Amino acid sequence: MLLEIDVTEHEVEVLRQAVADAGTLVMRYFGQNPETWDKPGEGPVSEADLAANALLHERLCGAFPSHGWLSEESADDEERLSRERVWIVDPIDGTRAFIDGKGEFTVCAALAVQGEIVAGSVLNPAKDEFFFAIRGKGATRNGVPLVPGPVPPFEEADILSRRSVLDAAKWQGDAPGGRHGYVNSIAYRVCKVATDRWDAAIALNTLSEWDLAAAQIILEEAGGRMTNRAGNPIRYNAPDTHIAGLIAATEPLHGQIVERLL
């Protein structure tokens, strides 16, 4: 059950402007061979990730010092667990694509209140797509409202996922039989479902809160549903920030995927 919690106009405007400015910042590095290195067991990171992280922290926590902070590029501070309102941030989701010069990365930031996401922003600055949502007030792409579209039969559903997700052994009966595609940013995959360009996004690997927080509210305010791979709700600002996979789709397709995915 979702909480009825107000988001202030100030929080909304600071969030919107901070993500826009972070997008402008990372585009200064895009295609310019930024310095990169590997985080052990976590994949690549670039100087642009850290620069965007610093900007977002300064803007969001600077404006709201009582809010908690959780980011992929910051050491986790358990102090956030005592805060009612927490910013959840991924400065660049899809860093590998960013480093490779592919426009499939996003800047993501969301506000969680008592574990529920109440506002979120996902920006793909390379493709000039800015998604924004406020709980109970709808979702937009570049200011245009996103509305639910027709839901296809399971057998015809177009799926964004890694190719291995559609292996026959992972499904009870046949896997979805429509188009298959993939983009590096998981948040961008979810936003593509919210725009009706794709019917579902599925991930079986372990994800993190910052991968999904902003995208979840955008999808849900556009009429969709997002859970972990078992169909269970996702709770944010948890002590363990890991999430067991993802299913993002509109009903009844979401429930059909949960039922048939082994």
C-alpha atoms as a PDB file:
ATOM      1  CA  MET A   1       0.000   0.000   0.000  1.00  0.00           C
ATOM      2  CA  LEU A   2       1.486   3.329  -1.057  1.00  0.00           C
ATOM      3  CA  LEU A   3       1.794   6.073   1.518  1.00  0.00           C
ATOM      4  CA  GLU A   4       0.107   9.403   0.984  1.00  0.00           C
ATOM      5  CA  ILE A   5       3.120  11.655   1.360  1.00  0.00           C
ATOM      6  CA  ASP A   6       3.504  15.108  -0.117  1.00  0.00           C
ATOM      7  CA  VAL A   7       6.511  16.103  -2.166  1.00  0.00           C
ATOM      8  CA  THR A   8       7.283  19.778  -1.827  1.00  0.00           C
ATOM      9  CA  GLU A   9       7.580  22.057  -4.838  1.00  0.00           C
ATOM     10  CA  HIS A  10      11.090  22.899  -3.704  1.00  0.00           C
ATOM     11  CA  GLU A  11      12.119  19.234  -3.697  1.00  0.00           C
ATOM     12  CA  VAL A  12      10.672  18.783  -7.171  1.00  0.00           C
ATOM     13  CA  GLU A  13      12.410  21.802  -8.658  1.00  0.00           C
ATOM     14  CA  VAL A  14      15.773  21.055  -7.037  1.00  0.00           C
ATOM     15  CA  LEU A  15      15.587  17.442  -8.245  1.00  0.00           C
ATOM     16  CA  ARG A  16      14.649  18.441 -11.777  1.00  0.00           C
ATOM     17  CA  GLN A  17      17.376  21.078 -12.109  1.00  0.00           C
ATOM     18  CA  ALA A  18      20.071  18.972 -10.463  1.00  0.00           C
ATOM     19  CA  VAL A  19      19.528  16.077 -12.872  1.00  0.00           C
ATOM     20  CA  ALA A  20      19.420  18.435 -15.856  1.00  0.00           C
ATOM     21  CA  ASP A  21      22.692  20.049 -14.814  1.00  0.00           C
ATOM     22  CA  ALA A  22      24.307  16.663 -14.172  1.00  0.00           C
ATOM     23  CA  GLY A  23      23.300  15.634 -17.696  1.00  0.00           C
ATOM     24  CA  THR A  24      24.946  18.731 -19.119  1.00  0.00           C
ATOM     25  CA  LEU A  25      28.071  17.965 -17.110  1.00  0.00           C
ATOM     26  CA  VAL A  26      28.455  14.347 -18.242  1.00  0.00           C
ATOM     27  CA  MET A  27      27.997  15.334 -21.885  1.00  0.00           C
ATOM     28  CA  ARG A  28      31.214  17.356 -21.588  1.00  0.00           C
ATOM     29  CA  TYR A  29      33.002  14.043 -21.060  1.00  0.00           C
ATOM     30  CA  PHE A  30      30.973  11.957 -23.539  1.00  0.00           C
ATOM     31  CA  GLY A  31      33.048  10.923 -26.538  1.00  0.00           C
ATOM     32  CA  GLN A  32      36.116  12.678 -25.107  1.00  0.00           C
ATOM     33  CA  ASN A  33      37.962   9.598 -23.773  1.00  0.00           C
ATOM     34  CA  PRO A  34      37.374  10.283 -20.078  1.00  0.00           C
ATOM     35  CA  GLU A  35      39.629   8.682 -17.526  1.00  0.00           C
ATOM     36  CA  THR A  36      38.254   5.267 -16.517  1.00  0.00           C
ATOM     37  CA  TRP A  37      39.104   2.421 -14.139  1.00  0.00           C
ATOM     38  CA  ASP A  38      37.482  -0.738 -12.782  1.00  0.00           C
ATOM     39  CA  LYS A  39      35.828  -1.113  -9.417  1.00  0.00           C
ATOM     40  CA  PRO A  40      36.599  -4.686  -8.263  1.00  0.00           C
ATOM     41  CA  GLY A  41      33.570  -6.863  -8.916  1.00  0.00           C
ATOM     42  CA  GLU A  42      31.431  -3.929  -9.998  1.00  0.00           C
ATOM     43  CA  GLY A  43      32.556  -2.985 -13.498  1.00  0.00           C
ATOM     44  CA  PRO A  44      33.893   0.263 -14.910  1.00  0.00           C
ATOM     45  CA  VAL A  45      33.639   3.789 -13.546  1.00  0.00           C
ATOM     46  CA  SER A  46      34.751   7.070 -15.110  1.00  0.00           C
ATOM     47  CA  GLU A  47      35.725  10.513 -13.975  1.00  0.00           C
ATOM     48  CA  ALA A  48      32.350  11.662 -15.312  1.00  0.00           C
ATOM     49  CA  ASP A  49      30.528   9.371 -12.838  1.00  0.00           C
ATOM     50  CA  LEU A  50      32.358  11.004  -9.945  1.00  0.00           C
ATOM     51  CA  ALA A  51      31.880  14.532 -11.247  1.00  0.00           C
ATOM     52  CA  ALA A  52      28.133  13.987 -11.676  1.00  0.00           C
ATOM     53  CA  ASN A  53      27.925  12.371  -8.250  1.00  0.00           C
ATOM     54  CA  ALA A  54      29.589  15.386  -6.650  1.00  0.00           C
ATOM     55  CA  LEU A  55      27.246  17.799  -8.437  1.00  0.00           C
ATOM     56  CA  LEU A  56      24.120  15.866  -7.451  1.00  0.00           C
ATOM     57  CA  HIS A  57      25.235  15.552  -3.834  1.00  0.00           C
ATOM     58  CA  GLU A  58      26.017  19.251  -3.609  1.00  0.00           C
ATOM     59  CA  ARG A  59      22.687  20.278  -5.116  1.00  0.00           C
ATOM     60  CA  LEU A  60      20.376  17.767  -3.427  1.00  0.00           C
ATOM     61  CA  CYS A  61      21.932  17.506   0.021  1.00  0.00           C
ATOM     62  CA  GLY A  62      22.980  21.138  -0.053  1.00  0.00           C
ATOM     63  CA  ALA A  63      19.354  22.187  -0.478  1.00  0.00           C
ATOM     64  CA  PHE A  64      18.054  19.560   1.998  1.00  0.00           C
ATOM     65  CA  PRO A  65      20.731  18.782   4.601  1.00  0.00           C
ATOM     66  CA  SER A  66      18.322  16.697   6.686  1.00  0.00           C
ATOM     67  CA  HIS A  67      17.736  14.230   3.819  1.00  0.00           C
ATOM     68  CA  GLY A  68      19.723  11.004   3.630  1.00  0.00           C
ATOM     69  CA  TRP A  69      21.918  10.016   0.676  1.00  0.00           C
ATOM     70  CA  LEU A  70      22.431   6.706  -1.160  1.00  0.00           C
ATOM     71  CA  SER A  71      24.483   6.644  -4.362  1.00  0.00           C
ATOM     72  CA  GLU A  72      26.391   4.091  -6.392  1.00  0.00           C
ATOM     73  CA  GLU A  73      29.456   6.354  -6.301  1.00  0.00           C
ATOM     74  CA  SER A  74      29.462   7.200  -2.585  1.00  0.00           C
ATOM     75  CA  ALA A  75      30.450   5.061   0.371  1.00  0.00           C
ATOM     76  CA  ASP A  76      27.259   3.881   2.036  1.00  0.00           C
ATOM     77  CA  ASP A  77      26.516   5.727   5.262  1.00  0.00           C
ATOM     78  CA  GLU A  78      24.116   3.868   7.548  1.00  0.00           C
ATOM     79  CA  GLU A  79      22.975   7.232   8.859  1.00  0.00           C
ATOM     80  CA  ARG A  80      20.536   7.225   5.930  1.00  0.00           C
ATOM     81  CA  LEU A  81      18.543   4.465   7.656  1.00  0.00           C
ATOM     82  CA  SER A  82      17.488   6.933  10.343  1.00  0.00           C
ATOM     83  CA  ARG A  83      16.319   9.530   7.815  1.00  0.00           C
ATOM     84  CA  GLU A  84      12.695   9.698   6.687  1.00  0.00           C
ATOM     85  CA  ARG A  85      13.565  11.298   3.335  1.00  0.00           C
ATOM     86  CA  VAL A  86      16.472   9.924   1.293  1.00  0.00           C
ATOM     87  CA  TRP A  87      17.915  10.761  -2.125  1.00  0.00           C
ATOM     88  CA  ILE A  88      18.774   7.639  -4.162  1.00  0.00           C
ATOM     89  CA  VAL A  89      21.136   8.373  -7.035  1.00  0.00           C
ATOM     90  CA  ASP A  90      22.970   6.739  -9.923  1.00  0.00           C
ATOM     91  CA  PRO A  91      25.104   9.471 -11.510  1.00  0.00           C
ATOM     92  CA  ILE A  92      25.541   7.428 -14.705  1.00  0.00           C
ATOM     93  CA  ASP A  93      23.513   4.260 -15.167  1.00  0.00           C
ATOM     94  CA  GLY A  94      25.087   2.435 -18.080  1.00  0.00           C
ATOM     95  CA  THR A  95      28.678   3.552 -17.555  1.00  0.00           C
ATOM     96  CA  ARG A  96      29.997   0.914 -19.970  1.00  0.00           C
ATOM     97  CA  ALA A  97      27.867   2.376 -22.780  1.00  0.00           C
ATOM     98  CA  PHE A  98      28.974   5.885 -21.794  1.00  0.00           C
ATOM     99  CA  ILE A  99      32.637   4.899 -22.005  1.00  0.00           C
ATOM    100  CA  ASP A 100      32.040   3.173 -25.363  1.00  0.00           C
ATOM    101  CA  GLY A 101      30.391   6.277 -26.820  1.00  0.00           C
ATOM    102  CA  LYS A 102      26.911   4.713 -27.025  1.00  0.00           C
ATOM    103  CA  GLY A 103      23.949   6.920 -26.137  1.00  0.00           C
ATOM    104  CA  GLU A 104      22.338   4.337 -23.858  1.00  0.00           C
ATOM    105  CA  PHE A 105      23.261   5.822 -20.474  1.00  0.00           C
ATOM    106  CA  THR A 106      21.159   7.841 -18.049  1.00  0.00           C
ATOM    107  CA  VAL A 107      21.450  10.129 -15.036  1.00  0.00           C
ATOM    108  CA  CYS A 108      19.052   8.946 -12.331  1.00  0.00           C
ATOM    109  CA  ALA A 109      17.869  10.434  -9.043  1.00  0.00           C
ATOM    110  CA  ALA A 110      14.851   9.758  -6.859  1.00  0.00           C
ATOM    111  CA  LEU A 111      13.397  10.763  -3.513  1.00  0.00           C
ATOM    112  CA  ALA A 112      12.296   8.018  -1.118  1.00  0.00           C
ATOM    113  CA  VAL A 113      10.095   8.771   1.862  1.00  0.00           C
ATOM    114  CA  GLN A 114       9.715   6.003   4.451  1.00  0.00           C
ATOM    115  CA  GLY A 115      10.890   3.496   1.858  1.00  0.00           C
ATOM    116  CA  GLU A 116       8.542   4.567  -0.947  1.00  0.00           C
ATOM    117  CA  ILE A 117       9.703   6.441  -4.037  1.00  0.00           C
ATOM    118  CA  VAL A 118       7.701   9.655  -4.327  1.00  0.00           C
ATOM    119  CA  ALA A 119       9.575  11.521  -7.096  1.00  0.00           C
ATOM    120  CA  GLY A 120      12.077  10.461  -9.708  1.00  0.00           C
ATOM    121  CA  SER A 121      13.989  11.676 -12.737  1.00  0.00           C
ATOM    122  CA  VAL A 122      15.783   9.730 -15.479  1.00  0.00           C
ATOM    123  CA  LEU A 123      17.667  11.719 -18.104  1.00  0.00           C
ATOM    124  CA  ASN A 124      19.340  10.389 -21.236  1.00  0.00           C
ATOM    125  CA  PRO A 125      21.291  13.496 -22.237  1.00  0.00           C
ATOM    126  CA  ALA A 126      22.717  11.916 -25.393  1.00  0.00           C
ATOM    127  CA  LYS A 127      19.200  11.398 -26.796  1.00  0.00           C
ATOM    128  CA  ASP A 128      17.595  14.435 -25.144  1.00  0.00           C
ATOM    129  CA  GLU A 129      15.003  12.353 -23.269  1.00  0.00           C
ATOM    130  CA  PHE A 130      14.054  13.648 -19.830  1.00  0.00           C
ATOM    131  CA  PHE A 131      11.652  11.482 -17.825  1.00  0.00           C
ATOM    132  CA  PHE A 132      10.101  12.806 -14.625  1.00  0.00           C
ATOM    133  CA  ALA A 133       7.400  11.588 -12.239  1.00  0.00           C
ATOM    134  CA  ILE A 134       5.760  12.572  -8.964  1.00  0.00           C
ATOM    135  CA  ARG A 135       3.699  10.079  -7.002  1.00  0.00           C
ATOM    136  CA  GLY A 136       0.018  10.591  -7.815  1.00  0.00           C
ATOM    137  CA  LYS A 137       0.699  13.283 -10.416  1.00  0.00           C
ATOM    138  CA  GLY A 138       1.745  11.241 -13.425  1.00  0.00           C
ATOM    139  CA  ALA A 139       4.904  10.824 -15.458  1.00  0.00           C
ATOM    140  CA  THR A 140       6.245  12.803 -18.404  1.00  0.00           C
ATOM    141  CA  ARG A 141       8.867  12.566 -21.124  1.00  0.00           C
ATOM    142  CA  ASN A 142      10.155  15.995 -22.115  1.00  0.00           C
ATOM    143  CA  GLY A 143       7.071  17.476 -20.464  1.00  0.00           C
ATOM    144  CA  VAL A 144       4.551  15.337 -22.381  1.00  0.00           C
ATOM    145  CA  PRO A 145       2.403  13.023 -20.198  1.00  0.00           C
ATOM    146  CA  LEU A 146       2.989   9.286 -20.509  1.00  0.00           C
ATOM    147  CA  VAL A 147      -0.245   7.267 -20.664  1.00  0.00           C
ATOM    148  CA  PRO A 148      -0.905   3.507 -20.647  1.00  0.00           C
ATOM    149  CA  GLY A 149      -1.087   1.865 -24.059  1.00  0.00           C
ATOM    150  CA  PRO A 150      -2.557  -1.453 -25.225  1.00  0.00           C
ATOM    151  CA  VAL A 151      -1.141  -4.575 -23.592  1.00  0.00           C
ATOM    152  CA  PRO A 152      -0.259  -7.377 -26.035  1.00  0.00           C
ATOM    153  CA  PRO A 153      -0.812 -11.085 -25.472  1.00  0.00           C
ATOM    154  CA  PHE A 154       2.072 -12.752 -23.653  1.00  0.00           C
ATOM    155  CA  GLU A 155       3.036 -14.644 -26.799  1.00  0.00           C
ATOM    156  CA  GLU A 156       3.542 -11.386 -28.727  1.00  0.00           C
ATOM    157  CA  ALA A 157       5.225  -9.266 -26.055  1.00  0.00           C
ATOM    158  CA  ASP A 158       8.312  -7.249 -27.018  1.00  0.00           C
ATOM    159  CA  ILE A 159      10.992  -7.728 -24.351  1.00  0.00           C
ATOM    160  CA  LEU A 160      14.035  -5.680 -23.325  1.00  0.00           C
ATOM    161  CA  SER A 161      16.507  -7.983 -21.587  1.00  0.00           C
ATOM    162  CA  ARG A 162      19.728  -9.865 -21.950  1.00  0.00           C
ATOM    163  CA  ARG A 163      19.319 -12.554 -24.606  1.00  0.00           C
ATOM    164  CA  SER A 164      19.812 -15.316 -22.025  1.00  0.00           C
ATOM    165  CA  VAL A 165      16.578 -14.278 -20.255  1.00  0.00           C
ATOM    166  CA  LEU A 166      14.592 -15.774 -23.156  1.00  0.00           C
ATOM    167  CA  ASP A 167      16.237 -19.202 -22.979  1.00  0.00           C
ATOM    168  CA  ALA A 168      13.470 -21.814 -23.107  1.00  0.00           C
ATOM    169  CA  ALA A 169      14.721 -23.467 -19.913  1.00  0.00           C
ATOM    170  CA  LYS A 170      13.838 -20.342 -17.906  1.00  0.00           C
ATOM    171  CA  TRP A 171      10.125 -20.450 -18.806  1.00  0.00           C
ATOM    172  CA  GLN A 172       7.113 -22.622 -18.112  1.00  0.00           C
ATOM    173  CA  GLY A 173       5.982 -23.144 -21.677  1.00  0.00           C
ATOM    174  CA  ASP A 174       7.241 -20.783 -24.366  1.00  0.00           C
ATOM    175  CA  ALA A 175       9.093 -17.534 -23.705  1.00  0.00           C
ATOM    176  CA  PRO A 176       7.530 -14.271 -24.954  1.00  0.00           C
ATOM    177  CA  GLY A 177       7.677 -14.345 -28.739  1.00  0.00           C
ATOM    178  CA  GLY A 178       7.760 -10.705 -29.852  1.00  0.00           C
ATOM    179  CA  ARG A 179      10.783  -8.497 -30.557  1.00  0.00           C
ATOM    180  CA  HIS A 180      13.847  -8.686 -28.374  1.00  0.00           C
ATOM    181  CA  GLY A 181      16.166  -5.770 -27.612  1.00  0.00           C
ATOM    182  CA  TYR A 182      18.698  -4.558 -25.086  1.00  0.00           C
ATOM    183  CA  VAL A 183      20.166  -1.253 -23.921  1.00  0.00           C
ATOM    184  CA  ASN A 184      22.865  -0.903 -21.303  1.00  0.00           C
ATOM    185  CA  SER A 185      21.056   1.326 -18.793  1.00  0.00           C
ATOM    186  CA  ILE A 186      18.459  -0.645 -16.829  1.00  0.00           C
ATOM    187  CA  ALA A 187      16.670   2.599 -15.949  1.00  0.00           C
ATOM    188  CA  TYR A 188      16.428   3.466 -19.652  1.00  0.00           C
ATOM    189  CA  ARG A 189      14.986   0.011 -20.372  1.00  0.00           C
ATOM    190  CA  VAL A 190      12.229   0.605 -17.825  1.00  0.00           C
ATOM    191  CA  CYS A 191      11.527   4.068 -19.229  1.00  0.00           C
ATOM    192  CA  LYS A 192      11.210   2.586 -22.726  1.00  0.00           C
ATOM    193  CA  VAL A 193       8.462   0.326 -21.341  1.00  0.00           C
ATOM    194  CA  ALA A 194       6.774   3.411 -19.875  1.00  0.00           C
ATOM    195  CA  THR A 195       6.653   5.006 -23.332  1.00  0.00           C
ATOM    196  CA  ASP A 196       4.985   1.955 -25.014  1.00  0.00           C
ATOM    197  CA  ARG A 197       7.994   1.401 -27.265  1.00  0.00           C
ATOM    198  CA  TRP A 198       8.523  -1.918 -25.494  1.00  0.00           C
ATOM    199  CA  ASP A 199       6.130  -4.128 -23.531  1.00  0.00           C
ATOM    200  CA  ALA A 200       8.361  -5.370 -20.709  1.00  0.00           C
ATOM    201  CA  ALA A 201      11.850  -5.200 -19.228  1.00  0.00           C
ATOM    202  CA  ILE A 202      13.204  -8.266 -17.436  1.00  0.00           C
ATOM    203  CA  ALA A 203      16.449  -8.747 -15.513  1.00  0.00           C
ATOM    204  CA  LEU A 204      17.449 -11.890 -13.625  1.00  0.00           C
ATOM    205  CA  ASN A 205      20.724 -10.630 -12.162  1.00  0.00           C
ATOM    206  CA  THR A 206      21.086  -8.873  -8.836  1.00  0.00           C
ATOM    207  CA  LEU A 207      20.491  -5.126  -9.102  1.00  0.00           C
ATOM    208  CA  SER A 208      20.823  -2.211  -6.679  1.00  0.00           C
ATOM    209  CA  GLU A 209      18.366   0.362  -5.393  1.00  0.00           C
ATOM    210  CA  TRP A 210      19.978   3.166  -7.394  1.00  0.00           C
ATOM    211  CA  ASP A 211      19.457   1.199 -10.631  1.00  0.00           C
ATOM    212  CA  LEU A 212      15.678   1.163 -10.227  1.00  0.00           C
ATOM    213  CA  ALA A 213      14.408   3.858  -7.858  1.00  0.00           C
ATOM    214  CA  ALA A 214      13.813   6.681 -10.337  1.00  0.00           C
ATOM    215  CA  ALA A 215      12.661   4.403 -13.152  1.00  0.00           C
ATOM    216  CA  GLN A 216      10.118   2.623 -10.970  1.00  0.00           C
ATOM    217  CA  ILE A 217       8.031   5.689 -10.235  1.00  0.00           C
ATOM    218  CA  ILE A 218       8.149   6.748 -13.887  1.00  0.00           C
ATOM    219  CA  LEU A 219       6.805   3.371 -14.997  1.00  0.00           C
ATOM    220  CA  GLU A 220       4.173   3.190 -12.271  1.00  0.00           C
ATOM    221  CA  GLU A 221       2.923   6.718 -12.883  1.00  0.00           C
ATOM    222  CA  ALA A 222       2.669   5.769 -16.582  1.00  0.00           C
ATOM    223  CA  GLY A 223       0.369   2.869 -15.658  1.00  0.00           C
ATOM    224  CA  GLY A 224       2.868   0.018 -15.324  1.00  0.00           C
ATOM    225  CA  ARG A 225       4.104  -2.156 -12.502  1.00  0.00           C
ATOM    226  CA  MET A 226       7.602  -3.052 -11.341  1.00  0.00           C
ATOM    227  CA  THR A 227       8.665  -5.783  -8.899  1.00  0.00           C
ATOM    228  CA  ASN A 228      11.650  -8.013  -8.300  1.00  0.00           C
ATOM    229  CA  ARG A 229      11.901 -11.164 -10.432  1.00  0.00           C
ATOM    230  CA  ALA A 230       9.687 -13.123  -8.010  1.00  0.00           C
ATOM    231  CA  GLY A 231       6.904 -10.547  -8.266  1.00  0.00           C
ATOM    232  CA  ASN A 232       7.499  -9.075  -4.814  1.00  0.00           C
ATOM    233  CA  PRO A 233       7.354  -5.316  -4.108  1.00  0.00           C
ATOM    234  CA  ILE A 234      10.624  -3.389  -3.839  1.00  0.00           C
ATOM    235  CA  ARG A 235      11.285  -1.469  -0.635  1.00  0.00           C
ATOM    236  CA  TYR A 236      13.837   1.340  -0.763  1.00  0.00           C
ATOM    237  CA  ASN A 237      16.397   2.708   1.690  1.00  0.00           C
ATOM    238  CA  ALA A 238      16.843  -0.814   3.028  1.00  0.00           C
ATOM    239  CA  PRO A 239      19.900  -1.958   5.021  1.00  0.00           C
ATOM    240  CA  ASP A 240      20.711  -4.311   2.121  1.00  0.00           C
ATOM    241  CA  THR A 241      20.452  -2.317  -1.100  1.00  0.00           C
ATOM    242  CA  HIS A 242      20.499  -5.368  -3.402  1.00  0.00           C
ATOM    243  CA  ILE A 243      17.383  -6.298  -5.397  1.00  0.00           C
ATOM    244  CA  ALA A 244      16.751  -9.787  -6.797  1.00  0.00           C
ATOM    245  CA  GLY A 245      16.101  -8.993 -10.442  1.00  0.00           C
ATOM    246  CA  LEU A 246      13.358  -7.030 -12.157  1.00  0.00           C
ATOM    247  CA  ILE A 247      10.069  -7.428 -13.989  1.00  0.00           C
ATOM    248  CA  ALA A 248       8.620  -4.211 -15.428  1.00  0.00           C
ATOM    249  CA  ALA A 249       5.415  -4.312 -17.482  1.00  0.00           C
ATOM    250  CA  THR A 250       1.743  -3.371 -17.485  1.00  0.00           C
ATOM    251  CA  GLU A 251      -0.914  -5.753 -16.184  1.00  0.00           C
ATOM    252  CA  PRO A 252      -1.957  -8.380 -17.096  1.00  0.00           C
ATOM    253  CA  LEU A 253       1.388  -8.957 -18.845  1.00  0.00           C
ATOM    254  CA  HIS A 254       3.352  -8.365 -15.634  1.00  0.00           C
ATOM    255  CA  GLY A 255       1.471 -11.111 -13.805  1.00  0.00           C
ATOM    256  CA  GLN A 256       1.797 -13.487 -16.735  1.00  0.00           C
ATOM    257  CA  ILE A 257       5.570 -13.039 -16.782  1.00  0.00           C
ATOM    258  CA  VAL A 258       5.796 -13.626 -13.013  1.00  0.00           C
ATOM    259  CA  GLU A 259       3.691 -16.784 -13.344  1.00  0.00           C
ATOM    260  CA  ARG A 260       5.626 -18.284 -16.252  1.00  0.00           C
ATOM    261  CA  LEU A 261       9.195 -17.291 -15.402  1.00  0.00           C
ATOM    262  CA  LEU A 262      10.925 -20.164 -13.620  1.00  0.00           C
END
